[in-house]
PDB file of N, CA and C in Angstrom:
ATOM      1  N   MET A   1     219.282-166.959 124.511  1.00  0.00           N
ATOM      2  CA  MET A   1     217.991-167.519 124.698  1.00  0.00           C
ATOM      3  C   MET A   1     218.389-168.279 126.130  1.00  0.00           C
ATOM      4  N   ARG A   2     217.463-168.184 127.005  1.00  0.00           N
ATOM      5  CA  ARG A   2     217.473-168.912 128.361  1.00  0.00           C
ATOM      6  C   ARG A   2     216.460-170.053 128.287  1.00  0.00           C
ATOM      7  N   SER A   3     216.818-171.135 128.872  1.00  0.00           N
ATOM      8  CA  SER A   3     215.873-172.048 128.915  1.00  0.00           C
ATOM      9  C   SER A   3     215.055-172.179 130.190  1.00  0.00           C
ATOM     10  N   GLY A   4     213.887-172.699 130.172  1.00  0.00           N
ATOM     11  CA  GLY A   4     213.263-172.561 131.174  1.00  0.00           C
ATOM     12  C   GLY A   4     213.543-173.819 132.187  1.00  0.00           C
ATOM     13  N   THR A   5     212.730-173.947 133.333  1.00  0.00           N
ATOM     14  CA  THR A   5     212.917-175.271 134.085  1.00  0.00           C
ATOM     15  C   THR A   5     211.919-176.340 133.973  1.00  0.00           C
ATOM     16  N   ASP A   6     212.219-177.362 134.422  1.00  0.00           N
ATOM     17  CA  ASP A   6     211.267-178.489 134.378  1.00  0.00           C
ATOM     18  C   ASP A   6     210.097-178.094 135.411  1.00  0.00           C
ATOM     19  N   GLY A   7     208.795-178.618 135.072  1.00  0.00           N
ATOM     20  CA  GLY A   7     207.742-178.430 136.018  1.00  0.00           C
ATOM     21  C   GLY A   7     206.860-179.636 136.056  1.00  0.00           C
ATOM     22  N   THR A   8     205.964-179.654 136.946  1.00  0.00           N
ATOM     23  CA  THR A   8     205.054-180.565 137.191  1.00  0.00           C
ATOM     24  C   THR A   8     203.733-179.932 137.329  1.00  0.00           C
ATOM     25  N   GLY A   9     202.590-180.634 137.144  1.00  0.00           N
ATOM     26  CA  GLY A   9     201.367-180.161 137.289  1.00  0.00           C
ATOM     27  C   GLY A   9     200.322-181.079 137.422  1.00  0.00           C
ATOM     28  N   SER A  10     199.273-180.650 138.120  1.00  0.00           N
ATOM     29  CA  SER A  10     198.164-181.647 138.310  1.00  0.00           C
ATOM     30  C   SER A  10     196.693-181.126 137.831  1.00  0.00           C
ATOM     31  N   GLY A  11     195.967-181.961 137.738  1.00  0.00           N
ATOM     32  CA  GLY A  11     194.569-181.464 137.137  1.00  0.00           C
ATOM     33  C   GLY A  11     193.668-182.466 137.094  1.00  0.00           C
ATOM     34  N   PRO A  12     192.420-182.305 136.736  1.00  0.00           N
ATOM     35  CA  PRO A  12     191.436-183.327 136.474  1.00  0.00           C
ATOM     36  C   PRO A  12     191.848-184.484 135.552  1.00  0.00           C
ATOM     37  N   GLY A  13     191.539-185.655 135.966  1.00  0.00           N
ATOM     38  CA  GLY A  13     191.875-186.717 135.184  1.00  0.00           C
ATOM     39  C   GLY A  13     190.614-187.099 134.335  1.00  0.00           C
ATOM     40  N   SER A  14     190.845-188.107 133.616  1.00  0.00           N
ATOM     41  CA  SER A  14     189.684-188.615 132.706  1.00  0.00           C
ATOM     42  C   SER A  14     188.727-189.365 133.544  1.00  0.00           C
ATOM     43  N   GLY A  15     187.420-189.336 133.269  1.00  0.00           N
ATOM     44  CA  GLY A  15     186.520-190.290 133.927  1.00  0.00           C
ATOM     45  C   GLY A  15     186.109-189.797 135.340  1.00  0.00           C
ATOM     46  N   GLY A  16     186.028-188.552 135.712  1.00  0.00           N
ATOM     47  CA  GLY A  16     185.580-188.097 136.825  1.00  0.00           C
ATOM     48  C   GLY A  16     186.599-187.385 137.685  1.00  0.00           C
ATOM     49  N   ALA A  17     186.506-188.008 138.912  1.00  0.00           N
ATOM     50  CA  ALA A  17     187.360-187.228 140.022  1.00  0.00           C
ATOM     51  C   ALA A  17     188.708-187.842 139.940  1.00  0.00           C
ATOM     52  N   GLY A  18     189.458-187.904 138.871  1.00  0.00           N
ATOM     53  CA  GLY A  18     190.808-188.531 139.007  1.00  0.00           C
ATOM     54  C   GLY A  18     191.767-187.357 139.247  1.00  0.00           C
ATOM     55  N   HIS A  19     193.104-187.906 139.171  1.00  0.00           N
ATOM     56  CA  HIS A  19     194.288-187.132 139.389  1.00  0.00           C
ATOM     57  C   HIS A  19     195.078-187.329 138.234  1.00  0.00           C
ATOM     58  N   GLY A  20     195.528-186.211 137.486  1.00  0.00           N
ATOM     59  CA  GLY A  20     196.601-186.333 136.421  1.00  0.00           C
ATOM     60  C   GLY A  20     197.811-185.746 136.781  1.00  0.00           C
ATOM     61  N   GLY A  21     198.911-186.071 136.197  1.00  0.00           N
ATOM     62  CA  GLY A  21     200.113-185.351 136.190  1.00  0.00           C
ATOM     63  C   GLY A  21     200.714-185.294 134.975  1.00  0.00           C
ATOM     64  N   GLY A  22     201.976-184.522 135.022  1.00  0.00           N
ATOM     65  CA  GLY A  22     202.685-184.341 133.896  1.00  0.00           C
ATOM     66  C   GLY A  22     203.955-183.540 134.066  1.00  0.00           C
ATOM     67  N   THR A  23     204.861-183.560 133.273  1.00  0.00           N
ATOM     68  CA  THR A  23     206.035-182.734 133.323  1.00  0.00           C
ATOM     69  C   THR A  23     206.170-182.072 131.892  1.00  0.00           C
ATOM     70  N   GLY A  24     206.894-180.933 131.807  1.00  0.00           N
ATOM     71  CA  GLY A  24     207.055-180.345 130.582  1.00  0.00           C
ATOM     72  C   GLY A  24     208.267-179.471 130.902  1.00  0.00           C
ATOM     73  N   ARG A  25     208.838-179.031 129.746  1.00  0.00           N
ATOM     74  CA  ARG A  25     210.079-178.079 129.625  1.00  0.00           C
ATOM     75  C   ARG A  25     209.623-176.888 128.978  1.00  0.00           C
ATOM     76  N   GLY A  26     210.016-175.780 129.297  1.00  0.00           N
ATOM     77  CA  GLY A  26     209.661-174.467 128.762  1.00  0.00           C
ATOM     78  C   GLY A  26     210.822-173.581 128.454  1.00  0.00           C
ATOM     79  N   SER A  27     210.682-172.730 127.562  1.00  0.00           N
ATOM     80  CA  SER A  27     211.730-171.794 127.340  1.00  0.00           C
ATOM     81  C   SER A  27     211.141-170.434 127.335  1.00  0.00           C
ATOM     82  N   GLY A  28     212.058-169.470 127.762  1.00  0.00           N
ATOM     83  CA  GLY A  28     211.466-168.083 127.758  1.00  0.00           C
ATOM     84  C   GLY A  28     212.714-167.164 127.410  1.00  0.00           C
ATOM     85  N   SER A  29     212.127-165.858 127.191  1.00  0.00           N
ATOM     86  CA  SER A  29     213.320-164.986 126.860  1.00  0.00           C
ATOM     87  C   SER A  29     213.326-164.033 127.912  1.00  0.00           C
ATOM     88  N   GLY A  30     214.592-163.603 128.119  1.00  0.00           N
ATOM     89  CA  GLY A  30     214.841-162.653 129.207  1.00  0.00           C
ATOM     90  C   GLY A  30     215.887-161.765 128.755  1.00  0.00           C
ATOM     91  N   THR A  31     216.770-161.371 129.783  1.00  0.00           N
ATOM     92  CA  THR A  31     217.839-160.359 129.424  1.00  0.00           C
ATOM     93  C   THR A  31     219.070-161.346 129.404  1.00  0.00           C
ATOM     94  N   GLY A  32     219.222-161.969 128.462  1.00  0.00           N
ATOM     95  CA  GLY A  32     220.374-162.822 128.258  1.00  0.00           C
ATOM     96  C   GLY A  32     221.660-162.159 127.870  1.00  0.00           C
ATOM     97  N   THR A  33     222.724-162.713 127.989  1.00  0.00           N
ATOM     98  CA  THR A  33     224.037-162.055 127.624  1.00  0.00           C
ATOM     99  C   THR A  33     224.075-161.520 126.454  1.00  0.00           C
ATOM    100  N   ALA A  34     223.836-162.202 125.436  1.00  0.00           N
ATOM    101  CA  ALA A  34     223.974-161.682 124.136  1.00  0.00           C
ATOM    102  C   ALA A  34     223.039-160.253 123.900  1.00  0.00           C
ATOM    103  N   HIS A  35     221.801-160.351 124.491  1.00  0.00           N
ATOM    104  CA  HIS A  35     220.871-159.268 124.357  1.00  0.00           C
ATOM    105  C   HIS A  35     221.594-157.963 125.092  1.00  0.00           C
ATOM    106  N   MET A  36     222.161-158.365 126.235  1.00  0.00           N
ATOM    107  CA  MET A  36     222.672-157.076 126.894  1.00  0.00           C
ATOM    108  C   MET A  36     223.974-156.698 126.185  1.00  0.00           C
ATOM    109  N   ASN A  37     224.735-157.364 125.723  1.00  0.00           N
ATOM    110  CA  ASN A  37     225.803-157.107 124.838  1.00  0.00           C
ATOM    111  C   ASN A  37     225.470-156.261 123.797  1.00  0.00           C
ATOM    112  N   THR A  38     224.467-156.656 122.887  1.00  0.00           N
ATOM    113  CA  THR A  38     224.044-155.922 121.808  1.00  0.00           C
ATOM    114  C   THR A  38     223.427-154.534 122.184  1.00  0.00           C
ATOM    115  N   ARG A  39     222.696-154.522 123.316  1.00  0.00           N
ATOM    116  CA  ARG A  39     222.098-153.345 123.701  1.00  0.00           C
ATOM    117  C   ARG A  39     223.075-152.363 124.186  1.00  0.00           C
ATOM    118  N   TYR A  40     224.275-152.774 124.942  1.00  0.00           N
ATOM    119  CA  TYR A  40     225.389-151.922 125.374  1.00  0.00           C
ATOM    120  C   TYR A  40     225.958-151.385 124.091  1.00  0.00           C
ATOM    121  N   LEU A  41     226.268-152.240 123.121  1.00  0.00           N
ATOM    122  CA  LEU A  41     227.192-151.845 121.865  1.00  0.00           C
ATOM    123  C   LEU A  41     226.165-150.657 121.160  1.00  0.00           C
ATOM    124  N   ARG A  42     225.017-151.010 121.187  1.00  0.00           N
ATOM    125  CA  ARG A  42     224.025-149.997 120.309  1.00  0.00           C
ATOM    126  C   ARG A  42     224.060-148.545 121.083  1.00  0.00           C
ATOM    127  N   GLU A  43     224.097-148.742 122.294  1.00  0.00           N
ATOM    128  CA  GLU A  43     224.191-147.477 123.119  1.00  0.00           C
ATOM    129  C   GLU A  43     225.388-146.734 123.277  1.00  0.00           C
ATOM    130  N   HIS A  44     226.420-147.486 123.252  1.00  0.00           N
ATOM    131  CA  HIS A  44     227.793-146.944 123.470  1.00  0.00           C
ATOM    132  C   HIS A  44     228.960-147.084 122.489  1.00  0.00           C
ATOM    133  N   PHE A  45     228.671-147.866 121.420  1.00  0.00           N
ATOM    134  CA  PHE A  45     229.871-147.907 120.416  1.00  0.00           C
ATOM    135  C   PHE A  45     230.257-146.617 119.819  1.00  0.00           C
ATOM    136  N   ALA A  46     229.326-145.701 119.455  1.00  0.00           N
ATOM    137  CA  ALA A  46     229.769-144.402 118.743  1.00  0.00           C
ATOM    138  C   ALA A  46     230.693-143.712 119.719  1.00  0.00           C
ATOM    139  N   TYR A  47     230.210-143.642 121.108  1.00  0.00           N
ATOM    140  CA  TYR A  47     230.957-142.949 122.107  1.00  0.00           C
ATOM    141  C   TYR A  47     232.495-143.513 122.298  1.00  0.00           C
ATOM    142  N   ILE A  48     232.524-144.748 122.248  1.00  0.00           N
ATOM    143  CA  ILE A  48     233.829-145.384 122.554  1.00  0.00           C
ATOM    144  C   ILE A  48     234.613-145.293 121.340  1.00  0.00           C
ATOM    145  N   ARG A  49     234.008-145.412 120.042  1.00  0.00           N
ATOM    146  CA  ARG A  49     234.852-145.183 118.870  1.00  0.00           C
ATOM    147  C   ARG A  49     235.292-143.595 118.825  1.00  0.00           C
ATOM    148  N   ASP A  50     234.561-142.716 119.134  1.00  0.00           N
ATOM    149  CA  ASP A  50     234.872-141.381 118.977  1.00  0.00           C
ATOM    150  C   ASP A  50     235.940-140.965 120.096  1.00  0.00           C
ATOM    151  N   ALA A  51     235.819-141.520 121.314  1.00  0.00           N
ATOM    152  CA  ALA A  51     236.746-141.409 122.214  1.00  0.00           C
ATOM    153  C   ALA A  51     238.302-141.929 121.815  1.00  0.00           C
ATOM    154  N   VAL A  52     238.245-143.198 121.281  1.00  0.00           N
ATOM    155  CA  VAL A  52     239.564-143.599 120.760  1.00  0.00           C
ATOM    156  C   VAL A  52     240.152-142.678 119.780  1.00  0.00           C
ATOM    157  N   MET A  53     239.270-142.292 118.631  1.00  0.00           N
ATOM    158  CA  MET A  53     239.804-141.403 117.636  1.00  0.00           C
ATOM    159  C   MET A  53     240.166-140.130 118.044  1.00  0.00           C
ATOM    160  N   ARG A  54     239.478-139.376 119.190  1.00  0.00           N
ATOM    161  CA  ARG A  54     239.917-138.200 119.712  1.00  0.00           C
ATOM    162  C   ARG A  54     241.473-138.296 120.239  1.00  0.00           C
ATOM    163  N   HIS A  55     241.612-139.370 120.720  1.00  0.00           N
ATOM    164  CA  HIS A  55     243.075-139.498 121.493  1.00  0.00           C
ATOM    165  C   HIS A  55     244.106-140.226 120.690  1.00  0.00           C
ATOM    166  N   LEU A  56     243.683-140.593 119.464  1.00  0.00           N
ATOM    167  CA  LEU A  56     244.764-141.073 118.482  1.00  0.00           C
ATOM    168  C   LEU A  56     245.820-140.118 118.037  1.00  0.00           C
ATOM    169  N   VAL A  57     246.952-140.509 118.215  1.00  0.00           N
ATOM    170  CA  VAL A  57     248.018-139.557 117.814  1.00  0.00           C
ATOM    171  C   VAL A  57     248.827-140.350 116.781  1.00  0.00           C
ATOM    172  N   TYR A  58     248.967-139.856 115.651  1.00  0.00           N
ATOM    173  CA  TYR A  58     249.585-140.402 114.519  1.00  0.00           C
ATOM    174  C   TYR A  58     251.235-140.219 114.856  1.00  0.00           C
ATOM    175  N   PRO A  59     251.791-141.700 114.990  1.00  0.00           N
ATOM    176  CA  PRO A  59     253.251-141.751 115.252  1.00  0.00           C
ATOM    177  C   PRO A  59     253.910-140.926 114.339  1.00  0.00           C
ATOM    178  N   ALA A  60     254.944-140.118 114.889  1.00  0.00           N
ATOM    179  CA  ALA A  60     255.774-139.258 114.061  1.00  0.00           C
ATOM    180  C   ALA A  60     256.588-139.952 113.059  1.00  0.00           C
ATOM    181  N   VAL A  61     257.162-141.193 113.558  1.00  0.00           N
ATOM    182  CA  VAL A  61     257.934-141.967 112.496  1.00  0.00           C
ATOM    183  C   VAL A  61     257.038-142.266 111.494  1.00  0.00           C
ATOM    184  N   ALA A  62     255.775-142.570 111.541  1.00  0.00           N
ATOM    185  CA  ALA A  62     255.039-143.026 110.556  1.00  0.00           C
ATOM    186  C   ALA A  62     254.814-141.879 109.651  1.00  0.00           C
ATOM    187  N   LYS A  63     254.502-140.739 110.215  1.00  0.00           N
ATOM    188  CA  LYS A  63     254.134-139.540 109.349  1.00  0.00           C
ATOM    189  C   LYS A  63     255.436-139.250 108.565  1.00  0.00           C
ATOM    190  N   ARG A  64     256.576-139.220 109.129  1.00  0.00           N
ATOM    191  CA  ARG A  64     257.868-138.874 108.364  1.00  0.00           C
ATOM    192  C   ARG A  64     258.179-139.808 107.248  1.00  0.00           C
ATOM    193  N   ASN A  65     257.800-141.148 107.469  1.00  0.00           N
ATOM    194  CA  ASN A  65     257.855-142.219 106.304  1.00  0.00           C
ATOM    195  C   ASN A  65     256.802-142.382 105.394  1.00  0.00           C
ATOM    196  N   GLY A  66     255.661-141.623 105.646  1.00  0.00           N
ATOM    197  CA  GLY A  66     254.571-141.629 104.755  1.00  0.00           C
ATOM    198  C   GLY A  66     253.697-142.895 104.966  1.00  0.00           C
ATOM    199  N   TRP A  67     253.795-143.568 106.076  1.00  0.00           N
ATOM    200  CA  TRP A  67     253.165-144.817 106.309  1.00  0.00           C
ATOM    201  C   TRP A  67     251.537-144.549 106.630  1.00  0.00           C
ATOM    202  N   SER A  68     250.709-145.133 106.020  1.00  0.00           N
ATOM    203  CA  SER A  68     249.213-145.186 106.514  1.00  0.00           C
ATOM    204  C   SER A  68     248.742-146.504 106.358  1.00  0.00           C
ATOM    205  N   GLY A  69     247.458-146.662 106.793  1.00  0.00           N
ATOM    206  CA  GLY A  69     246.984-147.923 106.807  1.00  0.00           C
ATOM    207  C   GLY A  69     245.621-148.062 107.618  1.00  0.00           C
ATOM    208  N   ARG A  70     245.185-149.327 107.631  1.00  0.00           N
ATOM    209  CA  ARG A  70     243.983-149.514 108.422  1.00  0.00           C
ATOM    210  C   ARG A  70     244.190-150.753 109.292  1.00  0.00           C
ATOM    211  N   VAL A  71     243.961-150.478 110.600  1.00  0.00           N
ATOM    212  CA  VAL A  71     244.252-151.570 111.524  1.00  0.00           C
ATOM    213  C   VAL A  71     242.828-151.946 112.141  1.00  0.00           C
ATOM    214  N   THR A  72     242.503-153.213 112.217  1.00  0.00           N
ATOM    215  CA  THR A  72     241.305-153.569 113.100  1.00  0.00           C
ATOM    216  C   THR A  72     241.589-154.205 114.276  1.00  0.00           C
ATOM    217  N   VAL A  73     241.142-153.762 115.388  1.00  0.00           N
ATOM    218  CA  VAL A  73     241.274-154.173 116.737  1.00  0.00           C
ATOM    219  C   VAL A  73     240.168-154.795 117.266  1.00  0.00           C
ATOM    220  N   SER A  74     240.418-155.872 118.246  1.00  0.00           N
ATOM    221  CA  SER A  74     239.321-156.330 119.050  1.00  0.00           C
ATOM    222  C   SER A  74     239.694-156.278 120.396  1.00  0.00           C
ATOM    223  N   PHE A  75     238.813-155.740 121.443  1.00  0.00           N
ATOM    224  CA  PHE A  75     239.081-155.740 122.602  1.00  0.00           C
ATOM    225  C   PHE A  75     237.744-156.030 123.421  1.00  0.00           C
ATOM    226  N   ILE A  76     237.859-156.537 124.678  1.00  0.00           N
ATOM    227  CA  ILE A  76     236.791-156.722 125.593  1.00  0.00           C
ATOM    228  C   ILE A  76     236.803-155.690 126.573  1.00  0.00           C
ATOM    229  N   ILE A  77     235.537-155.271 126.957  1.00  0.00           N
ATOM    230  CA  ILE A  77     235.429-154.252 128.127  1.00  0.00           C
ATOM    231  C   ILE A  77     234.706-155.102 129.208  1.00  0.00           C
ATOM    232  N   ARG A  78     235.432-155.079 130.284  1.00  0.00           N
ATOM    233  CA  ARG A  78     234.936-155.837 131.430  1.00  0.00           C
ATOM    234  C   ARG A  78     233.728-155.084 131.970  1.00  0.00           C
ATOM    235  N   GLU A  79     233.093-155.578 132.976  1.00  0.00           N
ATOM    236  CA  GLU A  79     231.919-154.988 133.819  1.00  0.00           C
ATOM    237  C   GLU A  79     232.467-153.781 134.554  1.00  0.00           C
ATOM    238  N   ASN A  80     233.660-153.599 134.737  1.00  0.00           N
ATOM    239  CA  ASN A  80     234.155-152.389 135.556  1.00  0.00           C
ATOM    240  C   ASN A  80     234.679-151.426 134.538  1.00  0.00           C
ATOM    241  N   GLY A  81     234.542-151.528 133.333  1.00  0.00           N
ATOM    242  CA  GLY A  81     234.813-150.467 132.289  1.00  0.00           C
ATOM    243  C   GLY A  81     236.229-150.651 131.748  1.00  0.00           C
ATOM    244  N   LEU A  82     237.094-151.590 132.298  1.00  0.00           N
ATOM    245  CA  LEU A  82     238.397-151.744 131.825  1.00  0.00           C
ATOM    246  C   LEU A  82     238.716-152.674 130.773  1.00  0.00           C
ATOM    247  N   VAL A  83     239.632-152.605 130.087  1.00  0.00           N
ATOM    248  CA  VAL A  83     239.805-153.494 128.905  1.00  0.00           C
ATOM    249  C   VAL A  83     240.704-154.689 129.029  1.00  0.00           C
ATOM    250  N   GLU A  84     240.227-155.675 128.599  1.00  0.00           N
ATOM    251  CA  GLU A  84     241.175-156.955 128.523  1.00  0.00           C
ATOM    252  C   GLU A  84     241.305-157.409 127.170  1.00  0.00           C
ATOM    253  N   LYS A  85     242.321-158.234 126.965  1.00  0.00           N
ATOM    254  CA  LYS A  85     242.405-158.739 125.515  1.00  0.00           C
ATOM    255  C   LYS A  85     242.215-157.996 124.358  1.00  0.00           C
ATOM    256  N   ALA A  86     242.999-156.803 124.446  1.00  0.00           N
ATOM    257  CA  ALA A  86     243.071-155.975 123.283  1.00  0.00           C
ATOM    258  C   ALA A  86     244.190-156.573 122.216  1.00  0.00           C
ATOM    259  N   ARG A  87     243.709-156.724 121.020  1.00  0.00           N
ATOM    260  CA  ARG A  87     244.288-157.583 120.009  1.00  0.00           C
ATOM    261  C   ARG A  87     244.253-156.861 118.708  1.00  0.00           C
ATOM    262  N   VAL A  88     245.307-156.988 117.871  1.00  0.00           N
ATOM    263  CA  VAL A  88     245.067-156.663 116.368  1.00  0.00           C
ATOM    264  C   VAL A  88     244.627-157.970 115.681  1.00  0.00           C
ATOM    265  N   ILE A  89     243.345-157.706 114.960  1.00  0.00           N
ATOM    266  CA  ILE A  89     242.868-158.924 114.267  1.00  0.00           C
ATOM    267  C   ILE A  89     243.139-158.674 112.851  1.00  0.00           C
ATOM    268  N   LYS A  90     243.476-157.402 112.335  1.00  0.00           N
ATOM    269  CA  LYS A  90     243.855-157.259 110.913  1.00  0.00           C
ATOM    270  C   LYS A  90     245.018-156.115 110.848  1.00  0.00           C
ATOM    271  N   SER A  91     246.190-156.316 110.625  1.00  0.00           N
ATOM    272  CA  SER A  91     247.229-155.553 110.766  1.00  0.00           C
ATOM    273  C   SER A  91     247.165-154.413 109.578  1.00  0.00           C
ATOM    274  N   SER A  92     247.725-153.324 109.816  1.00  0.00           N
ATOM    275  CA  SER A  92     247.743-152.119 108.880  1.00  0.00           C
ATOM    276  C   SER A  92     248.943-152.392 107.938  1.00  0.00           C
ATOM    277  N   GLY A  93     249.868-153.337 108.384  1.00  0.00           N
ATOM    278  CA  GLY A  93     251.110-153.557 107.823  1.00  0.00           C
ATOM    279  C   GLY A  93     252.289-152.996 108.282  1.00  0.00           C
ATOM    280  N   TYR A  94     252.082-152.177 109.288  1.00  0.00           N
ATOM    281  CA  TYR A  94     253.125-151.436 110.185  1.00  0.00           C
ATOM    282  C   TYR A  94     253.016-151.695 111.562  1.00  0.00           C
ATOM    283  N   ASP A  95     253.851-152.264 112.177  1.00  0.00           N
ATOM    284  CA  ASP A  95     253.995-152.546 113.528  1.00  0.00           C
ATOM    285  C   ASP A  95     253.577-151.234 114.394  1.00  0.00           C
ATOM    286  N   ILE A  96     254.211-150.244 114.002  1.00  0.00           N
ATOM    287  CA  ILE A  96     254.103-148.950 114.894  1.00  0.00           C
ATOM    288  C   ILE A  96     252.604-148.479 114.768  1.00  0.00           C
ATOM    289  N   LEU A  97     251.858-148.718 113.709  1.00  0.00           N
ATOM    290  CA  LEU A  97     250.530-148.226 113.759  1.00  0.00           C
ATOM    291  C   LEU A  97     249.528-149.148 114.582  1.00  0.00           C
ATOM    292  N   ASP A  98     249.997-150.479 114.305  1.00  0.00           N
ATOM    293  CA  ASP A  98     249.294-151.324 114.976  1.00  0.00           C
ATOM    294  C   ASP A  98     249.295-151.426 116.565  1.00  0.00           C
ATOM    295  N   SER A  99     250.588-151.119 117.212  1.00  0.00           N
ATOM    296  CA  SER A  99     250.683-151.029 118.537  1.00  0.00           C
ATOM    297  C   SER A  99     250.277-149.536 118.963  1.00  0.00           C
ATOM    298  N   ASN A 100     250.194-148.606 118.140  1.00  0.00           N
ATOM    299  CA  ASN A 100     249.680-147.273 118.583  1.00  0.00           C
ATOM    300  C   ASN A 100     248.177-147.434 118.742  1.00  0.00           C
ATOM    301  N   ALA A 101     247.470-148.236 117.938  1.00  0.00           N
ATOM    302  CA  ALA A 101     246.052-148.311 118.029  1.00  0.00           C
ATOM    303  C   ALA A 101     245.707-148.836 119.442  1.00  0.00           C
ATOM    304  N   ILE A 102     246.443-150.042 119.704  1.00  0.00           N
ATOM    305  CA  ILE A 102     246.315-150.753 121.015  1.00  0.00           C
ATOM    306  C   ILE A 102     246.661-149.930 122.304  1.00  0.00           C
ATOM    307  N   LYS A 103     247.649-149.169 122.145  1.00  0.00           N
ATOM    308  CA  LYS A 103     248.102-148.238 123.204  1.00  0.00           C
ATOM    309  C   LYS A 103     247.121-147.116 123.491  1.00  0.00           C
ATOM    310  N   THR A 104     246.704-146.654 122.265  1.00  0.00           N
ATOM    311  CA  THR A 104     245.393-145.562 122.502  1.00  0.00           C
ATOM    312  C   THR A 104     244.292-146.102 123.145  1.00  0.00           C
ATOM    313  N   ILE A 105     243.810-147.383 122.719  1.00  0.00           N
ATOM    314  CA  ILE A 105     242.480-147.990 123.561  1.00  0.00           C
ATOM    315  C   ILE A 105     242.898-148.134 124.992  1.00  0.00           C
ATOM    316  N   MET A 106     244.052-148.738 125.317  1.00  0.00           N
ATOM    317  CA  MET A 106     244.569-148.807 126.661  1.00  0.00           C
ATOM    318  C   MET A 106     244.483-147.406 127.460  1.00  0.00           C
ATOM    319  N   ASP A 107     244.909-146.440 126.809  1.00  0.00           N
ATOM    320  CA  ASP A 107     245.170-144.957 127.418  1.00  0.00           C
ATOM    321  C   ASP A 107     243.618-144.463 127.649  1.00  0.00           C
ATOM    322  N   VAL A 108     242.719-144.848 126.755  1.00  0.00           N
ATOM    323  CA  VAL A 108     241.465-144.177 126.939  1.00  0.00           C
ATOM    324  C   VAL A 108     240.574-144.771 127.991  1.00  0.00           C
ATOM    325  N   GLN A 109     240.782-145.821 128.237  1.00  0.00           N
ATOM    326  CA  GLN A 109     240.016-146.561 129.212  1.00  0.00           C
ATOM    327  C   GLN A 109     239.989-145.825 130.664  1.00  0.00           C
ATOM    328  N   PRO A 110     239.010-145.968 131.554  1.00  0.00           N
ATOM    329  CA  PRO A 110     237.853-146.774 131.435  1.00  0.00           C
ATOM    330  C   PRO A 110     236.790-146.215 130.463  1.00  0.00           C
ATOM    331  N   PHE A 111     235.873-147.198 129.990  1.00  0.00           N
ATOM    332  CA  PHE A 111     234.858-147.001 129.073  1.00  0.00           C
ATOM    333  C   PHE A 111     233.615-147.095 130.082  1.00  0.00           C
ATOM    334  N   PRO A 112     232.437-146.737 129.451  1.00  0.00           N
ATOM    335  CA  PRO A 112     231.263-146.977 130.116  1.00  0.00           C
ATOM    336  C   PRO A 112     231.044-148.472 130.435  1.00  0.00           C
ATOM    337  N   LYS A 113     230.674-148.603 131.731  1.00  0.00           N
ATOM    338  CA  LYS A 113     230.538-149.910 132.253  1.00  0.00           C
ATOM    339  C   LYS A 113     229.401-150.771 131.727  1.00  0.00           C
ATOM    340  N   PRO A 114     229.724-151.987 131.067  1.00  0.00           N
ATOM    341  CA  PRO A 114     228.656-152.705 130.450  1.00  0.00           C
ATOM    342  C   PRO A 114     228.029-153.582 131.443  1.00  0.00           C
ATOM    343  N   PRO A 115     226.815-154.217 131.372  1.00  0.00           N
ATOM    344  CA  PRO A 115     226.246-155.178 132.228  1.00  0.00           C
ATOM    345  C   PRO A 115     227.001-156.444 132.345  1.00  0.00           C
ATOM    346  N   VAL A 116     227.456-156.698 131.303  1.00  0.00           N
ATOM    347  CA  VAL A 116     228.198-158.181 131.040  1.00  0.00           C
ATOM    348  C   VAL A 116     229.563-157.615 130.084  1.00  0.00           C
ATOM    349  N   LYS A 117     230.482-158.687 130.035  1.00  0.00           N
ATOM    350  CA  LYS A 117     231.630-158.409 129.281  1.00  0.00           C
ATOM    351  C   LYS A 117     231.097-158.106 127.704  1.00  0.00           C
ATOM    352  N   ALA A 118     231.760-157.113 127.256  1.00  0.00           N
ATOM    353  CA  ALA A 118     231.353-156.695 125.730  1.00  0.00           C
ATOM    354  C   ALA A 118     232.535-156.617 124.772  1.00  0.00           C
ATOM    355  N   GLU A 119     232.346-157.377 123.757  1.00  0.00           N
ATOM    356  CA  GLU A 119     233.710-157.289 122.903  1.00  0.00           C
ATOM    357  C   GLU A 119     233.294-156.422 121.745  1.00  0.00           C
ATOM    358  N   LEU A 120     234.342-155.579 121.382  1.00  0.00           N
ATOM    359  CA  LEU A 120     234.325-154.477 120.290  1.00  0.00           C
ATOM    360  C   LEU A 120     235.275-154.976 119.218  1.00  0.00           C
ATOM    361  N   VAL A 121     234.765-154.800 117.981  1.00  0.00           N
ATOM    362  CA  VAL A 121     235.864-154.699 116.784  1.00  0.00           C
ATOM    363  C   VAL A 121     235.783-153.384 116.341  1.00  0.00           C
ATOM    364  N   LEU A 122     236.996-152.853 116.182  1.00  0.00           N
ATOM    365  CA  LEU A 122     236.995-151.452 115.797  1.00  0.00           C
ATOM    366  C   LEU A 122     238.031-151.182 114.771  1.00  0.00           C
ATOM    367  N   PRO A 123     237.632-150.736 113.668  1.00  0.00           N
ATOM    368  CA  PRO A 123     238.748-150.338 112.555  1.00  0.00           C
ATOM    369  C   PRO A 123     239.184-149.131 112.855  1.00  0.00           C
ATOM    370  N   ILE A 124     240.559-148.816 112.770  1.00  0.00           N
ATOM    371  CA  ILE A 124     241.052-147.553 112.924  1.00  0.00           C
ATOM    372  C   ILE A 124     241.953-147.285 111.641  1.00  0.00           C
ATOM    373  N   VAL A 125     241.801-146.245 111.220  1.00  0.00           N
ATOM    374  CA  VAL A 125     242.417-145.608 109.880  1.00  0.00           C
ATOM    375  C   VAL A 125     243.470-144.572 110.166  1.00  0.00           C
ATOM    376  N   TYR A 126     244.736-144.789 109.751  1.00  0.00           N
ATOM    377  CA  TYR A 126     245.766-143.855 109.704  1.00  0.00           C
ATOM    378  C   TYR A 126     245.895-143.267 108.321  1.00  0.00           C
ATOM    379  N   LYS A 127     245.630-142.004 108.077  1.00  0.00           N
ATOM    380  CA  LYS A 127     245.613-141.497 106.881  1.00  0.00           C
ATOM    381  C   LYS A 127     246.144-140.153 106.802  1.00  0.00           C
ATOM    382  N   LEU A 128     247.389-140.059 106.030  1.00  0.00           N
ATOM    383  CA  LEU A 128     247.950-138.805 105.886  1.00  0.00           C
ATOM    384  C   LEU A 128     247.234-137.841 105.111  1.00  0.00           C
ATOM    385  N   ASP A 129     247.104-136.479 105.348  1.00  0.00           N
ATOM    386  CA  ASP A 129     246.404-135.583 104.558  1.00  0.00           C
ATOM    387  C   ASP A 129     247.209-135.092 103.390  1.00  0.00           C
TER     388      ASP A 129
END
């Protein structure tokens, strides 16, 4: 939500030809950062998720050892479409799967350019068939 600015006004005063004044604060809605972020995610989240999943390669050592799990990552897409602050917020329990998820995100960039920085939280599941 964006807040408005202070304003002054003049108008007819009481008792005839007087002059009145006043100040007030207003608020208005506009295209705030949160709104732009929500709109960007609504329009592009599925594309970003699918791009990451298409490029995900199951690490060979994890396959050989039968390791599977779910890693949740968080990352910020800057206005130029590049990633910053990619990090694991919930580990799969295997460092190799966690680091592979981050590497894949970094390899897939750039993403569609958001109007403002956008943070995504993406679960990635490593599952053996």
